[in-house]
Amino acid sequence: MDHSDKVQTACLPNQKDTMTTSAQEKAQTAEHALRNHDWHVNNQGEPIEDRITDLVVNLHHLADEENVDWDLILSRDILHHDEESEDR
């Protein structure tokens, strides 16, 4: 599934070198993605935990459709988050 032509880049912040992007800037980027997802699935006003869960579940569905190893994604997530959190 190639949805690159449908990505709404106008709501994304300027992309910077990931080595110099702060955790706060990364959280803001994630917030933009979450708000975009909320709009598409009508989740506005729901608790943040529910909104994030719904986005993650939908990403899991995407990984399944694209034959991506979800466990690999989760292990990379933990590794990258831990490394980036050490930089604080």
C-alpha atoms as a PDB file:
ATOM      1  CA  MET A   1       0.000   0.000   0.000  1.00  0.00           C
ATOM      2  CA  ASP A   2       1.600   3.225  -1.128  1.00  0.00           C
ATOM      3  CA  HIS A   3      -0.096   6.213   0.443  1.00  0.00           C
ATOM      4  CA  SER A   4       2.742   8.681  -0.060  1.00  0.00           C
ATOM      5  CA  ASP A   5       0.573  10.809  -2.348  1.00  0.00           C
ATOM      6  CA  LYS A   6      -1.985  11.216   0.469  1.00  0.00           C
ATOM      7  CA  VAL A   7       0.361  12.326   3.254  1.00  0.00           C
ATOM      8  CA  GLN A   8      -0.546  15.724   4.625  1.00  0.00           C
ATOM      9  CA  THR A   9       2.887  17.238   5.008  1.00  0.00           C
ATOM     10  CA  ALA A  10       1.539  20.704   5.722  1.00  0.00           C
ATOM     11  CA  CYS A  11       0.886  19.770   9.346  1.00  0.00           C
ATOM     12  CA  LEU A  12       4.386  18.411   9.939  1.00  0.00           C
ATOM     13  CA  PRO A  13       7.134  20.528  11.464  1.00  0.00           C
ATOM     14  CA  ASN A  14      10.295  21.280   9.552  1.00  0.00           C
ATOM     15  CA  GLN A  15      12.444  18.187   9.358  1.00  0.00           C
ATOM     16  CA  LYS A  16      15.822  18.474  11.055  1.00  0.00           C
ATOM     17  CA  ASP A  17      18.759  16.175  11.428  1.00  0.00           C
ATOM     18  CA  THR A  18      17.468  13.529  13.858  1.00  0.00           C
ATOM     19  CA  MET A  19      20.723  13.700  15.818  1.00  0.00           C
ATOM     20  CA  THR A  20      19.996  17.309  16.789  1.00  0.00           C
ATOM     21  CA  THR A  21      16.243  17.039  17.295  1.00  0.00           C
ATOM     22  CA  SER A  22      15.298  17.256  20.958  1.00  0.00           C
ATOM     23  CA  ALA A  23      12.910  14.874  22.673  1.00  0.00           C
ATOM     24  CA  GLN A  24      10.454  17.769  22.942  1.00  0.00           C
ATOM     25  CA  GLU A  25      10.611  18.368  19.172  1.00  0.00           C
ATOM     26  CA  LYS A  26      10.117  14.648  18.538  1.00  0.00           C
ATOM     27  CA  ALA A  27       7.108  14.650  20.861  1.00  0.00           C
ATOM     28  CA  GLN A  28       5.687  17.616  18.932  1.00  0.00           C
ATOM     29  CA  THR A  29       6.129  15.722  15.663  1.00  0.00           C
ATOM     30  CA  ALA A  30       4.301  12.744  17.187  1.00  0.00           C
ATOM     31  CA  GLU A  31       1.559  15.069  18.395  1.00  0.00           C
ATOM     32  CA  HIS A  32       1.048  16.305  14.831  1.00  0.00           C
ATOM     33  CA  ALA A  33       0.740  12.706  13.622  1.00  0.00           C
ATOM     34  CA  LEU A  34      -1.675  11.919  16.456  1.00  0.00           C
ATOM     35  CA  ARG A  35      -3.874  14.930  15.697  1.00  0.00           C
ATOM     36  CA  ASN A  36      -3.929  13.988  12.009  1.00  0.00           C
ATOM     37  CA  HIS A  37      -4.920  10.425  12.941  1.00  0.00           C
ATOM     38  CA  ASP A  38      -7.566  11.755  15.376  1.00  0.00           C
ATOM     39  CA  TRP A  39      -9.121  13.793  12.589  1.00  0.00           C
ATOM     40  CA  HIS A  40      -9.304  10.792  10.247  1.00  0.00           C
ATOM     41  CA  VAL A  41     -10.854   8.444  12.845  1.00  0.00           C
ATOM     42  CA  ASN A  42     -12.868  11.085  14.749  1.00  0.00           C
ATOM     43  CA  ASN A  43     -11.033  10.628  18.062  1.00  0.00           C
ATOM     44  CA  GLN A  44     -10.967  14.285  19.055  1.00  0.00           C
ATOM     45  CA  GLY A  45     -11.765  14.758  22.730  1.00  0.00           C
ATOM     46  CA  GLU A  46     -10.896  11.211  23.759  1.00  0.00           C
ATOM     47  CA  PRO A  47      -8.330  10.653  26.547  1.00  0.00           C
ATOM     48  CA  ILE A  48      -4.724  10.829  25.328  1.00  0.00           C
ATOM     49  CA  GLU A  49      -4.051   7.200  26.315  1.00  0.00           C
ATOM     50  CA  ASP A  50      -6.946   5.998  24.143  1.00  0.00           C
ATOM     51  CA  ARG A  51      -5.885   8.175  21.208  1.00  0.00           C
ATOM     52  CA  ILE A  52      -2.289   6.938  21.311  1.00  0.00           C
ATOM     53  CA  THR A  53      -3.449   3.322  21.680  1.00  0.00           C
ATOM     54  CA  ASP A  54      -5.714   3.647  18.633  1.00  0.00           C
ATOM     55  CA  LEU A  55      -2.883   5.087  16.545  1.00  0.00           C
ATOM     56  CA  VAL A  56      -0.481   2.335  17.627  1.00  0.00           C
ATOM     57  CA  VAL A  57      -3.063  -0.364  16.870  1.00  0.00           C
ATOM     58  CA  ASN A  58      -3.609   1.115  13.416  1.00  0.00           C
ATOM     59  CA  LEU A  59       0.151   1.188  12.853  1.00  0.00           C
ATOM     60  CA  HIS A  60       0.196  -2.484  13.830  1.00  0.00           C
ATOM     61  CA  HIS A  61      -2.479  -3.166  11.188  1.00  0.00           C
ATOM     62  CA  LEU A  62      -0.347  -1.308   8.635  1.00  0.00           C
ATOM     63  CA  ALA A  63       2.692  -3.375   9.580  1.00  0.00           C
ATOM     64  CA  ASP A  64       0.643  -6.545   9.093  1.00  0.00           C
ATOM     65  CA  GLU A  65      -0.528  -5.361   5.655  1.00  0.00           C
ATOM     66  CA  GLU A  66       3.047  -4.548   4.650  1.00  0.00           C
ATOM     67  CA  ASN A  67       4.472  -7.788   6.102  1.00  0.00           C
ATOM     68  CA  VAL A  68       6.620  -5.869   8.567  1.00  0.00           C
ATOM     69  CA  ASP A  69       7.789  -7.670  11.700  1.00  0.00           C
ATOM     70  CA  TRP A  70       5.899  -5.867  14.491  1.00  0.00           C
ATOM     71  CA  ASP A  71       8.085  -7.349  17.224  1.00  0.00           C
ATOM     72  CA  LEU A  72      11.128  -5.911  15.451  1.00  0.00           C
ATOM     73  CA  ILE A  73       9.436  -2.503  15.348  1.00  0.00           C
ATOM     74  CA  LEU A  74       8.715  -2.652  19.090  1.00  0.00           C
ATOM     75  CA  SER A  75      12.248  -3.709  19.982  1.00  0.00           C
ATOM     76  CA  ARG A  76      13.659  -0.893  17.839  1.00  0.00           C
ATOM     77  CA  ASP A  77      11.255   1.531  19.502  1.00  0.00           C
ATOM     78  CA  ILE A  78      12.508   0.615  22.962  1.00  0.00           C
ATOM     79  CA  LEU A  79      16.152   0.787  21.888  1.00  0.00           C
ATOM     80  CA  HIS A  80      15.797   4.160  20.156  1.00  0.00           C
ATOM     81  CA  HIS A  81      13.701   5.669  22.938  1.00  0.00           C
ATOM     82  CA  ASP A  82      16.200   4.560  25.576  1.00  0.00           C
ATOM     83  CA  GLU A  83      19.135   5.966  23.577  1.00  0.00           C
ATOM     84  CA  GLU A  84      17.361   9.253  22.929  1.00  0.00           C
ATOM     85  CA  SER A  85      16.256   9.539  26.556  1.00  0.00           C
ATOM     86  CA  GLU A  86      19.880   9.212  27.694  1.00  0.00           C
ATOM     87  CA  ASP A  87      20.648  12.394  25.762  1.00  0.00           C
ATOM     88  CA  ARG A  88      18.379  14.475  28.038  1.00  0.00           C
END
